[in-house]
Amino acid sequence: MNKDVMIIIDESIALELHVAALYCLFHELFIEDSNFWWEMVLEEKAHAALIRSGKEVYEPVDKFPYDLLAPVLKELNDTNDRLSFLIKEYEKVPPSREEAFNMAFEIENSAGEIHYQKFMKKNTNLKIDKIFKQLNKDDIDHAKRIRSYMDNHGIQLRPGKV
């Protein structure tokens, strides 16, 4: 497999696992929302596993569904670095409930996560794309689910957010 593609795949897996770790922290911090966060944790881990399985199964590289990944390595690296930092900071000084939901909403609108969602929504006749979508099932559009949960629970979306 092409080295550059392998790096992007590995960073994409890391992104999903970082998001899962952040949501797991929110699950522990916010008892009133723990079920919501736990579902998100499981789905993010499933996303990582799905990408990992594609990496292991679809060699040569031309068989891997590239639309599943963000194409810009720098954006993935920056997002992963930011998530690592946030997790460490939030472990020391927990965010408010509103801040946690706003951060999650922002993350789900980041480049890596949006790419994943666009892939899951696109119409395609490729067998590999259909297999990935079937494996993923209903684990799509986290940003909409977060926003809906915020609206239904009176959690304010900060100005300037998507």
N, C-alpha and C. Protein backbone atom coordinates (compact mmCIF):
# COMPACT_ATOMS: atom_id res chain seq x y z
N MET A 1 0.85 -1.18 0.00
CA MET A 1 0.00 0.00 0.00
C MET A 1 0.90 1.24 0.00
N ASN A 2 0.53 2.25 -0.73
CA ASN A 2 1.26 3.50 -0.83
C ASN A 2 1.48 4.09 0.56
N LYS A 3 2.73 4.51 0.85
CA LYS A 3 3.09 5.02 2.18
C LYS A 3 2.25 6.23 2.58
N ASP A 4 2.02 7.17 1.66
CA ASP A 4 1.23 8.36 1.98
C ASP A 4 -0.21 8.00 2.33
N VAL A 5 -0.77 7.08 1.59
CA VAL A 5 -2.14 6.65 1.86
C VAL A 5 -2.20 5.94 3.21
N MET A 6 -1.19 5.14 3.51
CA MET A 6 -1.14 4.45 4.81
C MET A 6 -1.11 5.46 5.95
N ILE A 7 -0.36 6.54 5.79
CA ILE A 7 -0.29 7.56 6.83
C ILE A 7 -1.65 8.23 7.02
N ILE A 8 -2.32 8.56 5.93
CA ILE A 8 -3.64 9.18 6.01
C ILE A 8 -4.63 8.22 6.66
N ILE A 9 -4.57 6.95 6.30
CA ILE A 9 -5.45 5.96 6.91
C ILE A 9 -5.17 5.87 8.42
N ASP A 10 -3.92 5.79 8.80
CA ASP A 10 -3.57 5.70 10.22
C ASP A 10 -4.01 6.95 10.98
N GLU A 11 -3.84 8.12 10.39
CA GLU A 11 -4.28 9.35 11.05
C GLU A 11 -5.80 9.41 11.13
N SER A 12 -6.49 8.85 10.15
CA SER A 12 -7.96 8.81 10.17
C SER A 12 -8.44 7.88 11.29
N ILE A 13 -7.77 6.76 11.45
CA ILE A 13 -8.10 5.85 12.55
C ILE A 13 -7.85 6.55 13.88
N ALA A 14 -6.71 7.23 13.98
CA ALA A 14 -6.39 7.97 15.21
C ALA A 14 -7.44 9.04 15.50
N LEU A 15 -7.92 9.72 14.47
CA LEU A 15 -8.94 10.74 14.65
C LEU A 15 -10.19 10.13 15.28
N GLU A 16 -10.65 9.04 14.73
CA GLU A 16 -11.86 8.40 15.27
C GLU A 16 -11.65 7.96 16.72
N LEU A 17 -10.46 7.45 17.03
CA LEU A 17 -10.17 7.00 18.39
C LEU A 17 -10.03 8.18 19.36
N HIS A 18 -9.47 9.29 18.89
CA HIS A 18 -9.39 10.49 19.73
C HIS A 18 -10.79 11.02 20.04
N VAL A 19 -11.64 11.05 19.03
CA VAL A 19 -13.01 11.53 19.24
C VAL A 19 -13.71 10.59 20.23
N ALA A 20 -13.52 9.29 20.07
CA ALA A 20 -14.12 8.32 21.00
C ALA A 20 -13.62 8.56 22.42
N ALA A 21 -12.33 8.83 22.58
CA ALA A 21 -11.76 9.07 23.92
C ALA A 21 -12.35 10.35 24.53
N LEU A 22 -12.52 11.38 23.72
CA LEU A 22 -13.10 12.62 24.23
C LEU A 22 -14.55 12.38 24.66
N TYR A 23 -15.31 11.68 23.83
CA TYR A 23 -16.70 11.40 24.17
C TYR A 23 -16.80 10.48 25.38
N CYS A 24 -15.84 9.60 25.56
CA CYS A 24 -15.82 8.74 26.74
C CYS A 24 -15.62 9.60 28.00
N LEU A 25 -14.77 10.58 27.90
CA LEU A 25 -14.57 11.51 29.01
C LEU A 25 -15.87 12.25 29.32
N PHE A 26 -16.56 12.71 28.28
CA PHE A 26 -17.85 13.39 28.47
C PHE A 26 -18.86 12.43 29.09
N HIS A 27 -18.83 11.18 28.68
CA HIS A 27 -19.71 10.15 29.25
C HIS A 27 -19.51 10.05 30.77
N GLU A 28 -18.26 10.11 31.19
CA GLU A 28 -17.93 10.01 32.61
C GLU A 28 -18.27 11.29 33.37
N LEU A 29 -18.13 12.43 32.71
CA LEU A 29 -18.34 13.72 33.37
C LEU A 29 -19.81 14.13 33.50
N PHE A 30 -20.61 13.77 32.52
CA PHE A 30 -21.98 14.28 32.46
C PHE A 30 -22.98 13.13 32.57
N ILE A 31 -23.30 12.80 33.81
CA ILE A 31 -24.18 11.66 34.11
C ILE A 31 -25.53 11.80 33.41
N GLU A 32 -26.06 13.01 33.37
CA GLU A 32 -27.38 13.22 32.76
C GLU A 32 -27.38 12.94 31.26
N ASP A 33 -26.21 12.95 30.64
CA ASP A 33 -26.09 12.71 29.20
C ASP A 33 -25.27 11.44 28.91
N SER A 34 -25.04 10.62 29.92
CA SER A 34 -24.10 9.50 29.76
C SER A 34 -24.52 8.52 28.67
N ASN A 35 -25.80 8.25 28.54
CA ASN A 35 -26.24 7.31 27.49
C ASN A 35 -25.96 7.87 26.10
N PHE A 36 -26.22 9.15 25.93
CA PHE A 36 -25.95 9.79 24.65
C PHE A 36 -24.47 9.69 24.31
N TRP A 37 -23.60 10.06 25.25
CA TRP A 37 -22.17 10.04 24.99
C TRP A 37 -21.66 8.62 24.76
N TRP A 38 -22.20 7.65 25.51
CA TRP A 38 -21.73 6.27 25.35
C TRP A 38 -22.05 5.76 23.94
N GLU A 39 -23.22 6.08 23.44
CA GLU A 39 -23.58 5.68 22.07
C GLU A 39 -22.61 6.29 21.07
N MET A 40 -22.25 7.54 21.30
CA MET A 40 -21.30 8.21 20.40
C MET A 40 -19.92 7.55 20.48
N VAL A 41 -19.49 7.17 21.69
CA VAL A 41 -18.21 6.48 21.87
C VAL A 41 -18.19 5.20 21.05
N LEU A 42 -19.23 4.40 21.18
CA LEU A 42 -19.28 3.12 20.46
C LEU A 42 -19.26 3.33 18.95
N GLU A 43 -19.95 4.33 18.48
CA GLU A 43 -19.99 4.59 17.04
C GLU A 43 -18.64 5.09 16.53
N GLU A 44 -17.98 5.95 17.27
CA GLU A 44 -16.66 6.42 16.84
C GLU A 44 -15.66 5.27 16.81
N LYS A 45 -15.72 4.39 17.80
CA LYS A 45 -14.83 3.22 17.79
C LYS A 45 -15.16 2.31 16.62
N ALA A 46 -16.43 2.20 16.28
CA ALA A 46 -16.83 1.39 15.12
C ALA A 46 -16.29 2.02 13.83
N HIS A 47 -16.30 3.34 13.76
CA HIS A 47 -15.74 4.02 12.58
C HIS A 47 -14.26 3.69 12.44
N ALA A 48 -13.53 3.74 13.56
CA ALA A 48 -12.09 3.42 13.53
C ALA A 48 -11.89 1.98 13.07
N ALA A 49 -12.69 1.07 13.59
CA ALA A 49 -12.57 -0.34 13.21
C ALA A 49 -12.88 -0.54 11.73
N LEU A 50 -13.84 0.18 11.23
CA LEU A 50 -14.21 0.08 9.82
C LEU A 50 -13.06 0.53 8.92
N ILE A 51 -12.45 1.65 9.27
CA ILE A 51 -11.30 2.14 8.49
C ILE A 51 -10.14 1.16 8.60
N ARG A 52 -9.89 0.67 9.81
CA ARG A 52 -8.80 -0.29 10.02
C ARG A 52 -9.03 -1.56 9.19
N SER A 53 -10.26 -2.02 9.13
CA SER A 53 -10.53 -3.23 8.35
C SER A 53 -10.29 -2.98 6.87
N GLY A 54 -10.62 -1.78 6.41
CA GLY A 54 -10.35 -1.44 5.02
C GLY A 54 -8.87 -1.44 4.72
N LYS A 55 -8.10 -0.95 5.67
CA LYS A 55 -6.65 -0.92 5.51
C LYS A 55 -6.10 -2.34 5.41
N GLU A 56 -6.63 -3.24 6.21
CA GLU A 56 -6.12 -4.61 6.25
C GLU A 56 -6.59 -5.45 5.07
N VAL A 57 -7.77 -5.17 4.59
CA VAL A 57 -8.38 -6.02 3.57
C VAL A 57 -8.14 -5.54 2.14
N TYR A 58 -8.14 -4.23 1.94
CA TYR A 58 -8.16 -3.71 0.58
C TYR A 58 -6.80 -3.29 0.06
N GLU A 59 -5.93 -4.25 -0.08
CA GLU A 59 -4.69 -4.05 -0.81
C GLU A 59 -4.89 -4.74 -2.14
N PRO A 60 -4.48 -4.22 -3.22
CA PRO A 60 -3.68 -3.02 -3.38
C PRO A 60 -4.46 -1.75 -3.04
N VAL A 61 -3.73 -0.68 -2.92
CA VAL A 61 -4.26 0.61 -2.48
C VAL A 61 -5.41 1.11 -3.36
N ASP A 62 -5.45 0.76 -4.63
CA ASP A 62 -6.49 1.27 -5.52
C ASP A 62 -7.88 0.73 -5.19
N LYS A 63 -7.98 -0.25 -4.31
CA LYS A 63 -9.28 -0.80 -3.92
C LYS A 63 -9.87 -0.09 -2.69
N PHE A 64 -9.06 0.64 -1.93
CA PHE A 64 -9.53 1.29 -0.71
C PHE A 64 -10.47 2.45 -1.08
N PRO A 65 -11.60 2.59 -0.38
CA PRO A 65 -12.54 3.70 -0.67
C PRO A 65 -12.01 5.03 -0.13
N TYR A 66 -11.24 5.74 -0.93
CA TYR A 66 -10.58 6.97 -0.49
C TYR A 66 -11.53 8.06 -0.05
N ASP A 67 -12.74 8.05 -0.57
CA ASP A 67 -13.70 9.09 -0.19
C ASP A 67 -14.02 9.03 1.30
N LEU A 68 -13.71 7.92 1.93
CA LEU A 68 -13.95 7.74 3.36
C LEU A 68 -13.02 8.61 4.20
N LEU A 69 -11.93 9.06 3.62
CA LEU A 69 -10.87 9.75 4.37
C LEU A 69 -10.76 11.22 3.98
N ALA A 70 -10.31 12.03 4.92
CA ALA A 70 -9.95 13.41 4.59
C ALA A 70 -8.66 13.37 3.78
N PRO A 71 -8.57 14.11 2.69
CA PRO A 71 -7.40 14.01 1.82
C PRO A 71 -6.17 14.79 2.30
N VAL A 72 -6.34 15.68 3.27
CA VAL A 72 -5.25 16.56 3.66
C VAL A 72 -4.65 16.08 4.99
N LEU A 73 -3.46 15.55 4.91
CA LEU A 73 -2.79 15.00 6.09
C LEU A 73 -2.59 16.06 7.16
N LYS A 74 -2.23 17.27 6.78
CA LYS A 74 -2.00 18.33 7.77
C LYS A 74 -3.25 18.59 8.60
N GLU A 75 -4.42 18.61 7.97
CA GLU A 75 -5.66 18.83 8.71
C GLU A 75 -5.90 17.70 9.71
N LEU A 76 -5.64 16.47 9.29
CA LEU A 76 -5.79 15.33 10.19
C LEU A 76 -4.82 15.43 11.36
N ASN A 77 -3.56 15.74 11.06
CA ASN A 77 -2.55 15.89 12.12
C ASN A 77 -2.94 16.99 13.09
N ASP A 78 -3.36 18.13 12.57
CA ASP A 78 -3.74 19.26 13.42
C ASP A 78 -4.93 18.90 14.31
N THR A 79 -5.92 18.24 13.73
CA THR A 79 -7.10 17.85 14.50
C THR A 79 -6.73 16.83 15.57
N ASN A 80 -5.91 15.85 15.22
CA ASN A 80 -5.48 14.86 16.22
C ASN A 80 -4.69 15.51 17.34
N ASP A 81 -3.80 16.44 17.00
CA ASP A 81 -3.04 17.15 18.03
C ASP A 81 -3.96 17.94 18.95
N ARG A 82 -4.93 18.61 18.35
CA ARG A 82 -5.87 19.42 19.13
C ARG A 82 -6.70 18.52 20.05
N LEU A 83 -7.15 17.39 19.56
CA LEU A 83 -7.95 16.48 20.38
C LEU A 83 -7.13 15.92 21.54
N SER A 84 -5.89 15.56 21.28
CA SER A 84 -5.02 15.07 22.35
C SER A 84 -4.86 16.12 23.43
N PHE A 85 -4.65 17.35 23.01
CA PHE A 85 -4.51 18.47 23.95
C PHE A 85 -5.80 18.66 24.76
N LEU A 86 -6.95 18.67 24.06
CA LEU A 86 -8.22 18.88 24.75
C LEU A 86 -8.50 17.79 25.78
N ILE A 87 -8.23 16.55 25.44
CA ILE A 87 -8.46 15.45 26.37
C ILE A 87 -7.64 15.66 27.64
N LYS A 88 -6.37 16.00 27.48
CA LYS A 88 -5.51 16.24 28.65
C LYS A 88 -6.01 17.43 29.47
N GLU A 89 -6.40 18.49 28.79
CA GLU A 89 -6.91 19.67 29.49
C GLU A 89 -8.21 19.37 30.23
N TYR A 90 -9.13 18.69 29.56
CA TYR A 90 -10.43 18.39 30.16
C TYR A 90 -10.31 17.38 31.31
N GLU A 91 -9.28 16.56 31.28
CA GLU A 91 -9.05 15.66 32.41
C GLU A 91 -8.62 16.45 33.65
N LYS A 92 -7.90 17.55 33.44
CA LYS A 92 -7.45 18.41 34.55
C LYS A 92 -8.58 19.34 35.00
N VAL A 93 -9.17 20.02 34.01
CA VAL A 93 -10.23 20.99 34.27
C VAL A 93 -11.40 20.66 33.35
N PRO A 94 -12.40 19.96 33.88
CA PRO A 94 -13.52 19.55 33.03
C PRO A 94 -14.25 20.74 32.41
N PRO A 95 -14.74 20.56 31.20
CA PRO A 95 -15.51 21.62 30.55
C PRO A 95 -16.92 21.68 31.17
N SER A 96 -17.61 22.76 30.90
CA SER A 96 -19.03 22.81 31.27
C SER A 96 -19.78 21.88 30.31
N ARG A 97 -20.98 21.55 30.66
CA ARG A 97 -21.82 20.71 29.80
C ARG A 97 -22.00 21.39 28.44
N GLU A 98 -22.29 22.68 28.47
CA GLU A 98 -22.47 23.43 27.22
C GLU A 98 -21.19 23.41 26.38
N GLU A 99 -20.05 23.62 27.03
CA GLU A 99 -18.78 23.61 26.31
C GLU A 99 -18.52 22.24 25.68
N ALA A 100 -18.84 21.17 26.39
CA ALA A 100 -18.64 19.81 25.86
C ALA A 100 -19.46 19.59 24.60
N PHE A 101 -20.73 19.97 24.64
CA PHE A 101 -21.57 19.77 23.47
C PHE A 101 -21.15 20.66 22.31
N ASN A 102 -20.76 21.87 22.60
CA ASN A 102 -20.28 22.75 21.54
C ASN A 102 -19.00 22.23 20.92
N MET A 103 -18.11 21.70 21.75
CA MET A 103 -16.86 21.13 21.23
C MET A 103 -17.18 19.92 20.34
N ALA A 104 -18.08 19.06 20.79
CA ALA A 104 -18.45 17.89 20.00
C ALA A 104 -19.06 18.31 18.66
N PHE A 105 -19.91 19.32 18.70
CA PHE A 105 -20.53 19.81 17.47
C PHE A 105 -19.47 20.34 16.51
N GLU A 106 -18.50 21.08 17.05
CA GLU A 106 -17.40 21.61 16.23
C GLU A 106 -16.57 20.47 15.63
N ILE A 107 -16.26 19.47 16.45
CA ILE A 107 -15.46 18.33 15.97
C ILE A 107 -16.19 17.60 14.86
N GLU A 108 -17.47 17.39 15.03
CA GLU A 108 -18.23 16.66 14.02
C GLU A 108 -18.37 17.44 12.72
N ASN A 109 -18.08 18.72 12.77
CA ASN A 109 -18.07 19.54 11.56
C ASN A 109 -16.65 19.78 11.04
N SER A 110 -15.67 19.06 11.61
CA SER A 110 -14.28 19.19 11.16
C SER A 110 -14.08 18.40 9.87
N ALA A 111 -12.97 18.65 9.22
CA ALA A 111 -12.68 18.04 7.91
C ALA A 111 -12.76 16.52 7.93
N GLY A 112 -12.11 15.88 8.88
CA GLY A 112 -12.08 14.42 8.90
C GLY A 112 -13.45 13.80 9.11
N GLU A 113 -14.21 14.36 10.02
CA GLU A 113 -15.53 13.82 10.30
C GLU A 113 -16.51 14.12 9.18
N ILE A 114 -16.42 15.29 8.58
CA ILE A 114 -17.33 15.62 7.47
C ILE A 114 -17.07 14.70 6.28
N HIS A 115 -15.81 14.40 6.02
CA HIS A 115 -15.50 13.47 4.93
C HIS A 115 -16.16 12.13 5.16
N TYR A 116 -16.07 11.64 6.37
CA TYR A 116 -16.67 10.35 6.71
C TYR A 116 -18.19 10.40 6.45
N GLN A 117 -18.85 11.46 6.90
CA GLN A 117 -20.29 11.58 6.74
C GLN A 117 -20.69 11.71 5.26
N LYS A 118 -19.92 12.47 4.49
CA LYS A 118 -20.23 12.62 3.06
C LYS A 118 -20.12 11.27 2.35
N PHE A 119 -19.11 10.50 2.70
CA PHE A 119 -18.95 9.17 2.10
C PHE A 119 -20.18 8.32 2.40
N MET A 120 -20.64 8.35 3.64
CA MET A 120 -21.76 7.51 4.04
C MET A 120 -23.07 7.92 3.38
N LYS A 121 -23.18 9.19 2.97
CA LYS A 121 -24.41 9.69 2.37
C LYS A 121 -24.43 9.60 0.84
N LYS A 122 -23.26 9.47 0.22
CA LYS A 122 -23.23 9.55 -1.24
C LYS A 122 -23.86 8.31 -1.88
N ASN A 123 -24.46 8.53 -3.05
CA ASN A 123 -25.02 7.43 -3.82
C ASN A 123 -23.91 6.80 -4.64
N THR A 124 -23.86 5.49 -4.62
CA THR A 124 -22.82 4.80 -5.35
C THR A 124 -23.29 3.40 -5.72
N ASN A 125 -22.71 2.88 -6.76
CA ASN A 125 -23.00 1.51 -7.16
C ASN A 125 -21.81 0.59 -6.89
N LEU A 126 -20.73 1.15 -6.34
CA LEU A 126 -19.56 0.34 -6.06
C LEU A 126 -19.83 -0.62 -4.91
N LYS A 127 -19.50 -1.87 -5.13
CA LYS A 127 -19.77 -2.89 -4.12
C LYS A 127 -19.05 -2.58 -2.80
N ILE A 128 -17.79 -2.14 -2.88
CA ILE A 128 -17.02 -1.86 -1.68
C ILE A 128 -17.66 -0.74 -0.88
N ASP A 129 -18.14 0.31 -1.55
CA ASP A 129 -18.80 1.41 -0.85
C ASP A 129 -20.06 0.91 -0.14
N LYS A 130 -20.81 0.07 -0.82
CA LYS A 130 -22.04 -0.47 -0.22
C LYS A 130 -21.73 -1.33 1.00
N ILE A 131 -20.65 -2.09 0.95
CA ILE A 131 -20.26 -2.91 2.09
C ILE A 131 -19.91 -2.02 3.28
N PHE A 132 -19.11 -0.97 3.05
CA PHE A 132 -18.75 -0.06 4.14
C PHE A 132 -19.99 0.60 4.73
N LYS A 133 -20.90 1.01 3.88
CA LYS A 133 -22.12 1.66 4.36
C LYS A 133 -22.98 0.69 5.17
N GLN A 134 -23.08 -0.53 4.71
CA GLN A 134 -23.87 -1.53 5.44
C GLN A 134 -23.25 -1.81 6.80
N LEU A 135 -21.94 -1.92 6.84
CA LEU A 135 -21.27 -2.15 8.12
C LEU A 135 -21.47 -0.98 9.07
N ASN A 136 -21.51 0.20 8.53
CA ASN A 136 -21.68 1.40 9.34
C ASN A 136 -23.12 1.59 9.81
N LYS A 137 -24.06 1.11 9.05
CA LYS A 137 -25.50 1.19 9.31
C LYS A 137 -25.93 2.61 9.59
N ASP A 138 -26.49 2.85 10.78
CA ASP A 138 -27.10 4.14 11.08
C ASP A 138 -26.18 5.09 11.85
N ASP A 139 -24.90 4.79 11.89
CA ASP A 139 -23.98 5.61 12.68
C ASP A 139 -23.54 6.84 11.88
N ILE A 140 -24.49 7.58 11.38
CA ILE A 140 -24.14 8.73 10.55
C ILE A 140 -24.69 10.02 11.14
N ASP A 141 -24.15 11.08 10.65
CA ASP A 141 -24.56 12.44 10.95
C ASP A 141 -24.59 12.75 12.43
N HIS A 142 -23.45 12.59 13.06
CA HIS A 142 -23.32 12.91 14.47
C HIS A 142 -23.58 14.38 14.74
N ALA A 143 -23.17 15.26 13.84
CA ALA A 143 -23.38 16.70 14.07
C ALA A 143 -24.87 16.99 14.22
N LYS A 144 -25.70 16.43 13.37
CA LYS A 144 -27.15 16.65 13.47
C LYS A 144 -27.71 16.07 14.77
N ARG A 145 -27.21 14.91 15.16
CA ARG A 145 -27.69 14.29 16.40
C ARG A 145 -27.28 15.11 17.61
N ILE A 146 -26.06 15.63 17.59
CA ILE A 146 -25.60 16.47 18.70
C ILE A 146 -26.44 17.73 18.77
N ARG A 147 -26.65 18.37 17.63
CA ARG A 147 -27.44 19.61 17.60
C ARG A 147 -28.87 19.36 18.06
N SER A 148 -29.46 18.28 17.61
CA SER A 148 -30.82 17.93 18.03
C SER A 148 -30.89 17.68 19.53
N TYR A 149 -29.91 16.97 20.05
CA TYR A 149 -29.86 16.70 21.49
C TYR A 149 -29.72 18.02 22.26
N MET A 150 -28.87 18.90 21.77
CA MET A 150 -28.70 20.20 22.42
C MET A 150 -30.02 20.97 22.43
N ASP A 151 -30.69 21.02 21.30
CA ASP A 151 -31.96 21.73 21.21
C ASP A 151 -33.00 21.13 22.16
N ASN A 152 -33.06 19.80 22.21
CA ASN A 152 -34.06 19.13 23.05
C ASN A 152 -33.77 19.22 24.54
N HIS A 153 -32.53 19.56 24.89
CA HIS A 153 -32.14 19.62 26.31
C HIS A 153 -31.73 21.02 26.75
N GLY A 154 -32.05 22.02 25.94
CA GLY A 154 -31.80 23.41 26.32
C GLY A 154 -30.34 23.78 26.43
N ILE A 155 -29.49 23.14 25.63
CA ILE A 155 -28.07 23.45 25.65
C ILE A 155 -27.77 24.43 24.52
N GLN A 156 -27.22 25.57 24.88
CA GLN A 156 -26.99 26.68 23.95
C GLN A 156 -25.87 26.37 22.96
N LEU A 157 -26.11 26.62 21.68
CA LEU A 157 -25.05 26.57 20.67
C LEU A 157 -24.37 27.93 20.66
N ARG A 158 -23.07 27.94 20.86
CA ARG A 158 -22.33 29.21 20.92
C ARG A 158 -22.35 29.90 19.56
N PRO A 159 -22.40 31.21 19.57
CA PRO A 159 -22.36 31.98 18.31
C PRO A 159 -21.07 31.67 17.53
N GLY A 160 -21.21 31.70 16.22
CA GLY A 160 -20.05 31.48 15.38
C GLY A 160 -19.84 30.01 15.03
N LYS A 161 -20.68 29.13 15.54
CA LYS A 161 -20.56 27.70 15.22
C LYS A 161 -21.44 27.41 14.00
N VAL A 162 -21.10 26.36 13.33
CA VAL A 162 -21.79 25.98 12.08
C VAL A 162 -23.26 25.74 12.37
